[in-house]
C-alpha atoms as a PDB file:
ATOM      1  CA  UNK A   1      47.543   0.045 -39.653  1.00  0.00           C
ATOM      2  CA  UNK A   2      46.068   3.434 -40.506  1.00  0.00           C
ATOM      3  CA  UNK A   3      46.074   4.766 -44.050  1.00  0.00           C
ATOM      4  CA  UNK A   4      48.142   7.873 -44.569  1.00  0.00           C
ATOM      5  CA  UNK A   5      46.290  11.132 -45.260  1.00  0.00           C
ATOM      6  CA  UNK A   6      46.427  12.061 -48.942  1.00  0.00           C
ATOM      7  CA  UNK A   7      48.386  15.199 -49.714  1.00  0.00           C
ATOM      8  CA  UNK A   8      46.388  17.825 -51.628  1.00  0.00           C
ATOM      9  CA  UNK A   9      48.464  19.705 -54.139  1.00  0.00           C
ATOM     10  CA  UNK A  10      47.944  23.289 -55.298  1.00  0.00           C
ATOM     11  CA  UNK A  11      46.222  22.238 -58.538  1.00  0.00           C
ATOM     12  CA  UNK A  12      43.805  20.059 -56.604  1.00  0.00           C
ATOM     13  CA  UNK A  13      42.834  22.956 -54.308  1.00  0.00           C
ATOM     14  CA  UNK A  14      42.073  25.157 -57.296  1.00  0.00           C
ATOM     15  CA  UNK A  15      39.941  22.391 -58.810  1.00  0.00           C
ATOM     16  CA  UNK A  16      37.916  21.934 -55.589  1.00  0.00           C
ATOM     17  CA  UNK A  17      37.278  25.693 -55.311  1.00  0.00           C
ATOM     18  CA  UNK A  18      36.003  25.864 -58.906  1.00  0.00           C
ATOM     19  CA  UNK A  19      33.758  22.843 -58.311  1.00  0.00           C
ATOM     20  CA  UNK A  20      32.265  24.354 -55.103  1.00  0.00           C
ATOM     21  CA  UNK A  21      31.558  27.671 -56.920  1.00  0.00           C
ATOM     22  CA  UNK A  22      29.725  25.897 -59.763  1.00  0.00           C
ATOM     23  CA  UNK A  23      27.566  23.820 -57.370  1.00  0.00           C
ATOM     24  CA  UNK A  24      26.725  26.883 -55.280  1.00  0.00           C
ATOM     25  CA  UNK A  25      25.715  28.826 -58.423  1.00  0.00           C
ATOM     26  CA  UNK A  26      23.409  25.974 -59.479  1.00  0.00           C
ATOM     27  CA  UNK A  27      21.756  26.005 -56.008  1.00  0.00           C
ATOM     28  CA  UNK A  28      21.236  29.801 -56.100  1.00  0.00           C
ATOM     29  CA  UNK A  29      19.716  29.647 -59.606  1.00  0.00           C
ATOM     30  CA  UNK A  30      17.287  26.929 -58.430  1.00  0.00           C
ATOM     31  CA  UNK A  31      16.231  29.042 -55.403  1.00  0.00           C
ATOM     32  CA  UNK A  32      15.634  32.103 -57.645  1.00  0.00           C
ATOM     33  CA  UNK A  33      13.126  30.094 -59.682  1.00  0.00           C
ATOM     34  CA  UNK A  34      10.925  29.458 -56.609  1.00  0.00           C
ATOM     35  CA  UNK A  35       8.105  31.846 -55.582  1.00  0.00           C
ATOM     36  CA  UNK A  36       9.433  34.710 -53.506  1.00  0.00           C
ATOM     37  CA  UNK A  37       8.055  36.641 -50.571  1.00  0.00           C
ATOM     38  CA  UNK A  38       8.993  38.956 -47.675  1.00  0.00           C
ATOM     39  CA  UNK A  39       9.127  38.167 -43.968  1.00  0.00           C
ATOM     40  CA  UNK A  40      10.169  40.953 -41.598  1.00  0.00           C
ATOM     41  CA  UNK A  41      11.640  42.877 -44.544  1.00  0.00           C
ATOM     42  CA  UNK A  42      13.786  39.905 -45.500  1.00  0.00           C
ATOM     43  CA  UNK A  43      13.342  38.216 -48.913  1.00  0.00           C
ATOM     44  CA  UNK A  44      12.424  34.588 -48.594  1.00  0.00           C
ATOM     45  CA  UNK A  45      11.431  31.780 -50.962  1.00  0.00           C
ATOM     46  CA  UNK A  46       8.849  29.069 -50.480  1.00  0.00           C
ATOM     47  CA  UNK A  47      10.391  25.631 -50.607  1.00  0.00           C
ATOM     48  CA  UNK A  48       8.549  22.868 -52.471  1.00  0.00           C
ATOM     49  CA  UNK A  49       6.849  19.979 -50.707  1.00  0.00           C
ATOM     50  CA  UNK A  50       9.200  17.124 -49.796  1.00  0.00           C
ATOM     51  CA  UNK A  51       9.095  14.098 -52.059  1.00  0.00           C
ATOM     52  CA  UNK A  52      11.080  11.667 -49.896  1.00  0.00           C
ATOM     53  CA  UNK A  53       8.900   9.959 -47.257  1.00  0.00           C
ATOM     54  CA  UNK A  54      10.731   9.188 -44.039  1.00  0.00           C
ATOM     55  CA  UNK A  55       9.427   6.418 -41.764  1.00  0.00           C
ATOM     56  CA  UNK A  56       7.956   7.353 -38.358  1.00  0.00           C
ATOM     57  CA  UNK A  57       9.592   6.230 -35.127  1.00  0.00           C
ATOM     58  CA  UNK A  58       6.203   5.344 -33.600  1.00  0.00           C
ATOM     59  CA  UNK A  59       2.864   4.439 -35.036  1.00  0.00           C
ATOM     60  CA  UNK A  60       0.334   7.153 -35.814  1.00  0.00           C
ATOM     61  CA  UNK A  61      -1.861   7.759 -32.746  1.00  0.00           C
ATOM     62  CA  UNK A  62      -5.464   6.732 -33.117  1.00  0.00           C
ATOM     63  CA  UNK A  63      -8.056   9.513 -32.892  1.00  0.00           C
ATOM     64  CA  UNK A  64      -9.880   9.631 -29.574  1.00  0.00           C
ATOM     65  CA  UNK A  65     -13.404   8.329 -29.596  1.00  0.00           C
ATOM     66  CA  UNK A  66     -15.876  11.168 -28.928  1.00  0.00           C
ATOM     67  CA  UNK A  67     -17.745  11.053 -25.672  1.00  0.00           C
ATOM     68  CA  UNK A  68     -21.489  10.690 -25.367  1.00  0.00           C
ATOM     69  CA  UNK A  69     -21.926  14.431 -24.881  1.00  0.00           C
ATOM     70  CA  UNK A  70     -19.667  15.280 -27.843  1.00  0.00           C
ATOM     71  CA  UNK A  71     -21.758  13.028 -30.094  1.00  0.00           C
ATOM     72  CA  UNK A  72     -24.957  14.680 -28.840  1.00  0.00           C
ATOM     73  CA  UNK A  73     -23.494  18.193 -29.297  1.00  0.00           C
ATOM     74  CA  UNK A  74     -22.421  17.330 -32.870  1.00  0.00           C
ATOM     75  CA  UNK A  75     -25.936  16.119 -33.736  1.00  0.00           C
ATOM     76  CA  UNK A  76     -27.627  19.164 -32.171  1.00  0.00           C
ATOM     77  CA  UNK A  77     -25.038  21.642 -33.458  1.00  0.00           C
ATOM     78  CA  UNK A  78     -23.996  22.785 -29.999  1.00  0.00           C
ATOM     79  CA  UNK A  79     -20.649  24.574 -29.938  1.00  0.00           C
ATOM     80  CA  UNK A  80     -18.525  24.835 -26.832  1.00  0.00           C
ATOM     81  CA  UNK A  81     -17.975  28.400 -25.703  1.00  0.00           C
ATOM     82  CA  UNK A  82     -15.388  29.474 -23.169  1.00  0.00           C
ATOM     83  CA  UNK A  83     -16.741  31.509 -20.265  1.00  0.00           C
ATOM     84  CA  UNK A  84     -14.987  34.739 -19.401  1.00  0.00           C
ATOM     85  CA  UNK A  85     -13.199  34.910 -16.070  1.00  0.00           C
ATOM     86  CA  UNK A  86     -14.636  38.323 -15.171  1.00  0.00           C
ATOM     87  CA  UNK A  87     -18.386  38.949 -14.810  1.00  0.00           C
ATOM     88  CA  UNK A  88     -20.342  42.166 -14.347  1.00  0.00           C
ATOM     89  CA  UNK A  89     -21.722  42.788 -10.850  1.00  0.00           C
ATOM     90  CA  UNK A  90     -24.872  44.918 -10.890  1.00  0.00           C
ATOM     91  CA  UNK A  91     -24.589  45.849  -7.226  1.00  0.00           C
ATOM     92  CA  UNK A  92     -21.062  47.241  -7.261  1.00  0.00           C
ATOM     93  CA  UNK A  93     -21.124  48.204 -10.959  1.00  0.00           C
ATOM     94  CA  UNK A  94     -17.731  46.592 -11.425  1.00  0.00           C
ATOM     95  CA  UNK A  95     -16.256  43.545 -13.050  1.00  0.00           C
ATOM     96  CA  UNK A  96     -15.466  40.849 -10.535  1.00  0.00           C
ATOM     97  CA  UNK A  97     -13.941  37.353 -10.867  1.00  0.00           C
ATOM     98  CA  UNK A  98     -16.388  34.586 -11.555  1.00  0.00           C
ATOM     99  CA  UNK A  99     -14.835  32.495  -8.765  1.00  0.00           C
ATOM    100  CA  UNK A 100     -11.965  32.703  -6.326  1.00  0.00           C
ATOM    101  CA  UNK A 101     -10.599  35.733  -4.500  1.00  0.00           C
ATOM    102  CA  UNK A 102     -12.861  38.831  -4.561  1.00  0.00           C
ATOM    103  CA  UNK A 103     -15.460  36.938  -6.542  1.00  0.00           C
ATOM    104  CA  UNK A 104     -19.133  37.738  -6.514  1.00  0.00           C
ATOM    105  CA  UNK A 105     -20.731  37.184  -3.107  1.00  0.00           C
ATOM    106  CA  UNK A 106     -22.718  34.011  -2.651  1.00  0.00           C
ATOM    107  CA  UNK A 107     -26.399  33.931  -1.875  1.00  0.00           C
ATOM    108  CA  UNK A 108     -26.848  34.870   1.774  1.00  0.00           C
ATOM    109  CA  UNK A 109     -30.563  34.079   1.708  1.00  0.00           C
ATOM    110  CA  UNK A 110     -32.535  31.391  -0.148  1.00  0.00           C
ATOM    111  CA  UNK A 111     -36.230  31.290  -0.783  1.00  0.00           C
ATOM    112  CA  UNK A 112     -38.250  28.298   0.404  1.00  0.00           C
ATOM    113  CA  UNK A 113     -40.108  26.749  -2.579  1.00  0.00           C
ATOM    114  CA  UNK A 114     -43.880  27.080  -2.401  1.00  0.00           C
ATOM    115  CA  UNK A 115     -44.846  23.425  -2.843  1.00  0.00           C
ATOM    116  CA  UNK A 116     -47.540  21.384  -1.087  1.00  0.00           C
ATOM    117  CA  UNK A 117     -45.125  18.731   0.239  1.00  0.00           C
ATOM    118  CA  UNK A 118     -42.289  21.153   1.004  1.00  0.00           C
ATOM    119  CA  UNK A 119     -41.017  21.281   4.580  1.00  0.00           C
ATOM    120  CA  UNK A 120     -40.767  24.977   5.572  1.00  0.00           C
ATOM    121  CA  UNK A 121     -38.068  24.207   8.170  1.00  0.00           C
ATOM    122  CA  UNK A 122     -35.736  22.398   5.738  1.00  0.00           C
ATOM    123  CA  UNK A 123     -32.207  23.798   5.496  1.00  0.00           C
ATOM    124  CA  UNK A 124     -32.052  25.206   1.965  1.00  0.00           C
ATOM    125  CA  UNK A 125     -28.280  25.802   2.134  1.00  0.00           C
ATOM    126  CA  UNK A 126     -27.611  22.144   3.007  1.00  0.00           C
ATOM    127  CA  UNK A 127     -30.032  21.054   0.279  1.00  0.00           C
ATOM    128  CA  UNK A 128     -28.212  23.222  -2.279  1.00  0.00           C
ATOM    129  CA  UNK A 129     -24.850  21.809  -1.213  1.00  0.00           C
ATOM    130  CA  UNK A 130     -26.118  18.210  -1.454  1.00  0.00           C
ATOM    131  CA  UNK A 131     -27.465  18.851  -4.950  1.00  0.00           C
ATOM    132  CA  UNK A 132     -24.095  20.257  -6.000  1.00  0.00           C
ATOM    133  CA  UNK A 133     -22.261  17.213  -4.577  1.00  0.00           C
ATOM    134  CA  UNK A 134     -24.629  14.925  -6.487  1.00  0.00           C
ATOM    135  CA  UNK A 135     -23.915  16.783  -9.740  1.00  0.00           C
ATOM    136  CA  UNK A 136     -20.165  16.494  -9.165  1.00  0.00           C
ATOM    137  CA  UNK A 137     -20.472  12.765  -8.453  1.00  0.00           C
ATOM    138  CA  UNK A 138     -22.621  12.251 -11.556  1.00  0.00           C
ATOM    139  CA  UNK A 139     -20.094  14.080 -13.754  1.00  0.00           C
ATOM    140  CA  UNK A 140     -17.260  11.979 -12.355  1.00  0.00           C
ATOM    141  CA  UNK A 141     -19.239   8.805 -13.009  1.00  0.00           C
ATOM    142  CA  UNK A 142     -19.889   9.878 -16.588  1.00  0.00           C
ATOM    143  CA  UNK A 143     -16.198  10.661 -17.065  1.00  0.00           C
ATOM    144  CA  UNK A 144     -15.219   7.176 -15.920  1.00  0.00           C
ATOM    145  CA  UNK A 145     -17.832   5.654 -18.213  1.00  0.00           C
ATOM    146  CA  UNK A 146     -16.346   7.568 -21.163  1.00  0.00           C
ATOM    147  CA  UNK A 147     -12.869   6.234 -20.332  1.00  0.00           C
ATOM    148  CA  UNK A 148     -14.260   2.716 -20.029  1.00  0.00           C
ATOM    149  CA  UNK A 149     -16.060   3.005 -23.374  1.00  0.00           C
ATOM    150  CA  UNK A 150     -12.973   4.440 -25.128  1.00  0.00           C
ATOM    151  CA  UNK A 151     -10.683   1.659 -23.882  1.00  0.00           C
ATOM    152  CA  UNK A 152     -13.207  -1.100 -24.466  1.00  0.00           C
ATOM    153  CA  UNK A 153     -13.228  -2.312 -20.867  1.00  0.00           C
ATOM    154  CA  UNK A 154     -15.894  -4.574 -19.422  1.00  0.00           C
ATOM    155  CA  UNK A 155     -17.394  -4.868 -15.970  1.00  0.00           C
ATOM    156  CA  UNK A 156     -19.033  -2.497 -13.542  1.00  0.00           C
ATOM    157  CA  UNK A 157     -17.412   0.642 -12.172  1.00  0.00           C
ATOM    158  CA  UNK A 158     -16.681   0.235  -8.475  1.00  0.00           C
ATOM    159  CA  UNK A 159     -16.795   3.445  -6.410  1.00  0.00           C
ATOM    160  CA  UNK A 160     -13.770   4.213  -4.265  1.00  0.00           C
ATOM    161  CA  UNK A 161     -13.526   6.519  -1.290  1.00  0.00           C
ATOM    162  CA  UNK A 162     -11.771   9.822  -1.838  1.00  0.00           C
ATOM    163  CA  UNK A 163      -8.293   9.724  -0.264  1.00  0.00           C
ATOM    164  CA  UNK A 164      -7.916  12.051   2.687  1.00  0.00           C
ATOM    165  CA  UNK A 165      -4.885  14.157   3.500  1.00  0.00           C
ATOM    166  CA  UNK A 166      -3.887  12.011   6.486  1.00  0.00           C
ATOM    167  CA  UNK A 167      -4.259   8.789   4.510  1.00  0.00           C
ATOM    168  CA  UNK A 168      -2.062  10.066   1.669  1.00  0.00           C
ATOM    169  CA  UNK A 169       0.567  11.237   4.163  1.00  0.00           C
ATOM    170  CA  UNK A 170       0.566   7.829   5.875  1.00  0.00           C
ATOM    171  CA  UNK A 171       0.855   5.942   2.580  1.00  0.00           C
ATOM    172  CA  UNK A 172       3.717   8.203   1.500  1.00  0.00           C
ATOM    173  CA  UNK A 173       5.538   7.604   4.798  1.00  0.00           C
ATOM    174  CA  UNK A 174       5.027   3.832   4.537  1.00  0.00           C
ATOM    175  CA  UNK A 175       6.452   3.942   0.996  1.00  0.00           C
ATOM    176  CA  UNK A 176       9.526   5.753   2.281  1.00  0.00           C
ATOM    177  CA  UNK A 177       9.944   3.281   5.150  1.00  0.00           C
ATOM    178  CA  UNK A 178       9.697   0.266   2.814  1.00  0.00           C
ATOM    179  CA  UNK A 179      13.212   0.827   1.506  1.00  0.00           C
ATOM    180  CA  UNK A 180      16.280  -0.801   3.013  1.00  0.00           C
ATOM    181  CA  UNK A 181      17.461   2.521   4.459  1.00  0.00           C
ATOM    182  CA  UNK A 182      13.986   3.407   5.826  1.00  0.00           C
ATOM    183  CA  UNK A 183      13.747   6.390   3.497  1.00  0.00           C
ATOM    184  CA  UNK A 184      17.034   7.944   4.596  1.00  0.00           C
ATOM    185  CA  UNK A 185      18.286   8.535   1.042  1.00  0.00           C
ATOM    186  CA  UNK A 186      14.927   9.274  -0.617  1.00  0.00           C
ATOM    187  CA  UNK A 187      13.962  12.746  -1.805  1.00  0.00           C
ATOM    188  CA  UNK A 188      11.234  14.468   0.196  1.00  0.00           C
ATOM    189  CA  UNK A 189       8.585  16.945  -0.867  1.00  0.00           C
ATOM    190  CA  UNK A 190       8.939  20.647   0.029  1.00  0.00           C
ATOM    191  CA  UNK A 191       6.236  20.615   2.751  1.00  0.00           C
ATOM    192  CA  UNK A 192       6.324  16.930   3.663  1.00  0.00           C
ATOM    193  CA  UNK A 193       6.065  16.172   7.375  1.00  0.00           C
ATOM    194  CA  UNK A 194       7.809  13.266   9.056  1.00  0.00           C
ATOM    195  CA  UNK A 195       5.485  10.715  10.651  1.00  0.00           C
ATOM    196  CA  UNK A 196       6.827   9.027  13.753  1.00  0.00           C
ATOM    197  CA  UNK A 197       6.006   5.603  15.137  1.00  0.00           C
ATOM    198  CA  UNK A 198       6.237   3.591  11.906  1.00  0.00           C
ATOM    199  CA  UNK A 199       8.909   1.244  13.197  1.00  0.00           C
ATOM    200  CA  UNK A 200      12.636   1.234  13.721  1.00  0.00           C
ATOM    201  CA  UNK A 201      15.395  -0.162  11.586  1.00  0.00           C
ATOM    202  CA  UNK A 202      16.767  -3.440  12.845  1.00  0.00           C
ATOM    203  CA  UNK A 203      20.376  -3.313  13.933  1.00  0.00           C
ATOM    204  CA  UNK A 204      22.726  -6.255  13.531  1.00  0.00           C
ATOM    205  CA  UNK A 205      26.145  -6.699  15.052  1.00  0.00           C
ATOM    206  CA  UNK A 206      29.155  -6.898  12.814  1.00  0.00           C
ATOM    207  CA  UNK A 207      30.861 -10.124  11.857  1.00  0.00           C
ATOM    208  CA  UNK A 208      33.628  -9.476  14.361  1.00  0.00           C
ATOM    209  CA  UNK A 209      33.836  -6.785  17.027  1.00  0.00           C
ATOM    210  CA  UNK A 210      34.861  -6.357  20.651  1.00  0.00           C
ATOM    211  CA  UNK A 211      31.439  -7.321  22.062  1.00  0.00           C
ATOM    212  CA  UNK A 212      31.489 -10.622  20.148  1.00  0.00           C
ATOM    213  CA  UNK A 213      34.956 -11.304  21.466  1.00  0.00           C
ATOM    214  CA  UNK A 214      33.835 -10.758  25.073  1.00  0.00           C
ATOM    215  CA  UNK A 215      30.789 -13.020  24.646  1.00  0.00           C
ATOM    216  CA  UNK A 216      32.926 -15.843  23.305  1.00  0.00           C
ATOM    217  CA  UNK A 217      35.327 -15.483  26.247  1.00  0.00           C
ATOM    218  CA  UNK A 218      32.508 -15.691  28.796  1.00  0.00           C
ATOM    219  CA  UNK A 219      31.064 -18.786  27.137  1.00  0.00           C
ATOM    220  CA  UNK A 220      34.449 -20.577  27.145  1.00  0.00           C
ATOM    221  CA  UNK A 221      34.995 -19.608  30.772  1.00  0.00           C
ATOM    222  CA  UNK A 222      31.689 -21.190  31.796  1.00  0.00           C
ATOM    223  CA  UNK A 223      32.480 -24.365  29.872  1.00  0.00           C
ATOM    224  CA  UNK A 224      35.872 -24.727  31.590  1.00  0.00           C
ATOM    225  CA  UNK A 225      34.597 -24.126  35.133  1.00  0.00           C
ATOM    226  CA  UNK A 226      34.655 -27.246  37.399  1.00  0.00           C
ATOM    227  CA  UNK A 227      31.565 -26.216  39.380  1.00  0.00           C
ATOM    228  CA  UNK A 228      28.583 -25.592  37.119  1.00  0.00           C
ATOM    229  CA  UNK A 229      26.750 -22.314  37.372  1.00  0.00           C
ATOM    230  CA  UNK A 230      23.712 -22.793  39.608  1.00  0.00           C
ATOM    231  CA  UNK A 231      20.448 -21.120  38.769  1.00  0.00           C
ATOM    232  CA  UNK A 232      18.947 -20.511  42.222  1.00  0.00           C
ATOM    233  CA  UNK A 233      15.455 -19.680  40.975  1.00  0.00           C
ATOM    234  CA  UNK A 234      15.238 -22.797  38.826  1.00  0.00           C
ATOM    235  CA  UNK A 235      16.596 -24.995  41.617  1.00  0.00           C
ATOM    236  CA  UNK A 236      14.014 -23.616  44.079  1.00  0.00           C
ATOM    237  CA  UNK A 237      11.210 -24.279  41.615  1.00  0.00           C
ATOM    238  CA  UNK A 238      12.336 -27.880  41.088  1.00  0.00           C
ATOM    239  CA  UNK A 239      12.517 -28.514  44.861  1.00  0.00           C
ATOM    240  CA  UNK A 240       9.081 -27.022  45.428  1.00  0.00           C
ATOM    241  CA  UNK A 241       7.622 -29.166  42.662  1.00  0.00           C
ATOM    242  CA  UNK A 242       9.183 -32.301  44.164  1.00  0.00           C
ATOM    243  CA  UNK A 243       7.687 -31.525  47.606  1.00  0.00           C
ATOM    244  CA  UNK A 244       4.217 -31.054  46.107  1.00  0.00           C
ATOM    245  CA  UNK A 245       4.469 -34.381  44.264  1.00  0.00           C
ATOM    246  CA  UNK A 246       5.513 -36.160  47.486  1.00  0.00           C
ATOM    247  CA  UNK A 247       2.535 -34.706  49.373  1.00  0.00           C
ATOM    248  CA  UNK A 248       0.116 -35.819  46.698  1.00  0.00           C
ATOM    249  CA  UNK A 249       1.553 -39.350  46.733  1.00  0.00           C
ATOM    250  CA  UNK A 250       1.270 -39.653  50.532  1.00  0.00           C
ATOM    251  CA  UNK A 251      -2.302 -38.395  50.390  1.00  0.00           C
ATOM    252  CA  UNK A 252      -3.198 -41.000  47.756  1.00  0.00           C
ATOM    253  CA  UNK A 253      -1.614 -43.809  49.892  1.00  0.00           C
ATOM    254  CA  UNK A 254      -3.737 -42.770  52.904  1.00  0.00           C
ATOM    255  CA  UNK A 255      -6.917 -42.935  50.839  1.00  0.00           C
ATOM    256  CA  UNK A 256      -6.050 -46.434  49.570  1.00  0.00           C
ATOM    257  CA  UNK A 257      -5.417 -47.702  53.124  1.00  0.00           C
ATOM    258  CA  UNK A 258      -8.778 -46.389  54.385  1.00  0.00           C
ATOM    259  CA  UNK A 259     -10.584 -48.003  51.482  1.00  0.00           C
ATOM    260  CA  UNK A 260      -8.847 -51.358  52.064  1.00  0.00           C
ATOM    261  CA  UNK A 261      -9.822 -51.357  55.757  1.00  0.00           C
ATOM    262  CA  UNK A 262     -13.424 -50.683  54.825  1.00  0.00           C
ATOM    263  CA  UNK A 263     -13.428 -53.596  52.359  1.00  0.00           C
ATOM    264  CA  UNK A 264     -11.824 -55.990  54.890  1.00  0.00           C
ATOM    265  CA  UNK A 265     -14.423 -55.198  57.532  1.00  0.00           C
ATOM    266  CA  UNK A 266     -17.222 -55.722  55.050  1.00  0.00           C
ATOM    267  CA  UNK A 267     -15.741 -59.052  53.917  1.00  0.00           C
ATOM    268  CA  UNK A 268     -15.274 -60.385  57.480  1.00  0.00           C
ATOM    269  CA  UNK A 269     -18.919 -59.677  58.307  1.00  0.00           C
ATOM    270  CA  UNK A 270     -19.937 -62.237  55.686  1.00  0.00           C
ATOM    271  CA  UNK A 271     -23.393 -60.839  55.230  1.00  0.00           C
ATOM    272  CA  UNK A 272     -24.888 -62.379  58.460  1.00  0.00           C
ATOM    273  CA  UNK A 273     -26.866 -65.533  57.560  1.00  0.00           C
ATOM    274  CA  UNK A 274     -24.823 -66.417  54.415  1.00  0.00           C
ATOM    275  CA  UNK A 275     -23.050 -69.791  54.185  1.00  0.00           C
ATOM    276  CA  UNK A 276     -19.365 -70.300  54.983  1.00  0.00           C
ATOM    277  CA  UNK A 277     -18.448 -70.567  51.318  1.00  0.00           C
ATOM    278  CA  UNK A 278     -19.925 -67.130  50.647  1.00  0.00           C
ATOM    279  CA  UNK A 279     -17.971 -65.585  53.526  1.00  0.00           C
ATOM    280  CA  UNK A 280     -14.735 -67.158  52.343  1.00  0.00           C
ATOM    281  CA  UNK A 281     -15.321 -65.861  48.792  1.00  0.00           C
ATOM    282  CA  UNK A 282     -15.883 -62.320  50.022  1.00  0.00           C
ATOM    283  CA  UNK A 283     -12.738 -62.515  52.161  1.00  0.00           C
ATOM    284  CA  UNK A 284     -10.767 -63.692  49.139  1.00  0.00           C
ATOM    285  CA  UNK A 285     -12.086 -60.789  47.014  1.00  0.00           C
ATOM    286  CA  UNK A 286     -11.245 -58.277  49.757  1.00  0.00           C
ATOM    287  CA  UNK A 287      -7.670 -59.618  49.955  1.00  0.00           C
ATOM    288  CA  UNK A 288      -7.297 -59.286  46.201  1.00  0.00           C
ATOM    289  CA  UNK A 289      -8.588 -55.728  46.294  1.00  0.00           C
ATOM    290  CA  UNK A 290      -6.247 -54.883  49.140  1.00  0.00           C
ATOM    291  CA  UNK A 291      -3.260 -56.312  47.293  1.00  0.00           C
ATOM    292  CA  UNK A 292      -4.187 -54.318  44.199  1.00  0.00           C
ATOM    293  CA  UNK A 293      -4.476 -51.154  46.260  1.00  0.00           C
ATOM    294  CA  UNK A 294      -0.993 -51.664  47.705  1.00  0.00           C
ATOM    295  CA  UNK A 295       0.512 -52.199  44.271  1.00  0.00           C
ATOM    296  CA  UNK A 296      -1.260 -49.123  42.919  1.00  0.00           C
ATOM    297  CA  UNK A 297       0.025 -47.088  45.868  1.00  0.00           C
ATOM    298  CA  UNK A 298       3.589 -48.259  45.220  1.00  0.00           C
ATOM    299  CA  UNK A 299       3.338 -47.420  41.536  1.00  0.00           C
ATOM    300  CA  UNK A 300       2.015 -43.968  42.273  1.00  0.00           C
END
């Protein structure tokens, strides 16, 4: 149930108007008591400082710890000055950019230092470039050390190779391809190139389609056939294997027979001048060996 809206009578409207006029007059009188001023030819008043303290949504950020150079500059009184973009060129008598397009020309000749151990054939341009690269690397190392010191991290700083353009492009393409749609619905950069050869999306058949229906029919047809489907290649391989096994068995039987004949002849000889008991013993051993050879041949 909703409460009905109260009906305001004529006397009540007059009372509310008088009350609003009085409150507005009190506010204007309080503003006139404040110090006045002009801003763009418009009279303004300076509001007093707020007395009600409102709580912050987030904690007050901590001041950044000064770097090693900032501490040194504060002790020595060194102030940072911003360099102008344009510099005066004595040759052309014009102001030219300090760097970039139409900047002052670089040194086209370098003097070889006059030192006792100096190689006169050393490339001074390459030496200058190497010194500049070393300064850049040193500055980067100092920057990382400042970050480490500010965050209170421990451990040594491990150098990492600078990412190349091709490597970044490959990593970006791999990130796109890692999605389920292989990057089909991902936003691309304005000048991003597509890298080919990163794999293809796997395709799966539906739960039920015409191809599945035909496969099931073929499988049932094979199961109901009276004559099984013969694989000619497999049958030929099995027959060839059986023939090879038979040849090896016959060859082994021939070797056993030759060996048995040799043993029988040796046993019948009896060793010449040996006694009759010795000859009978050798004949008995030869018979046993022959019988074992036959059994082995049958088993094989």
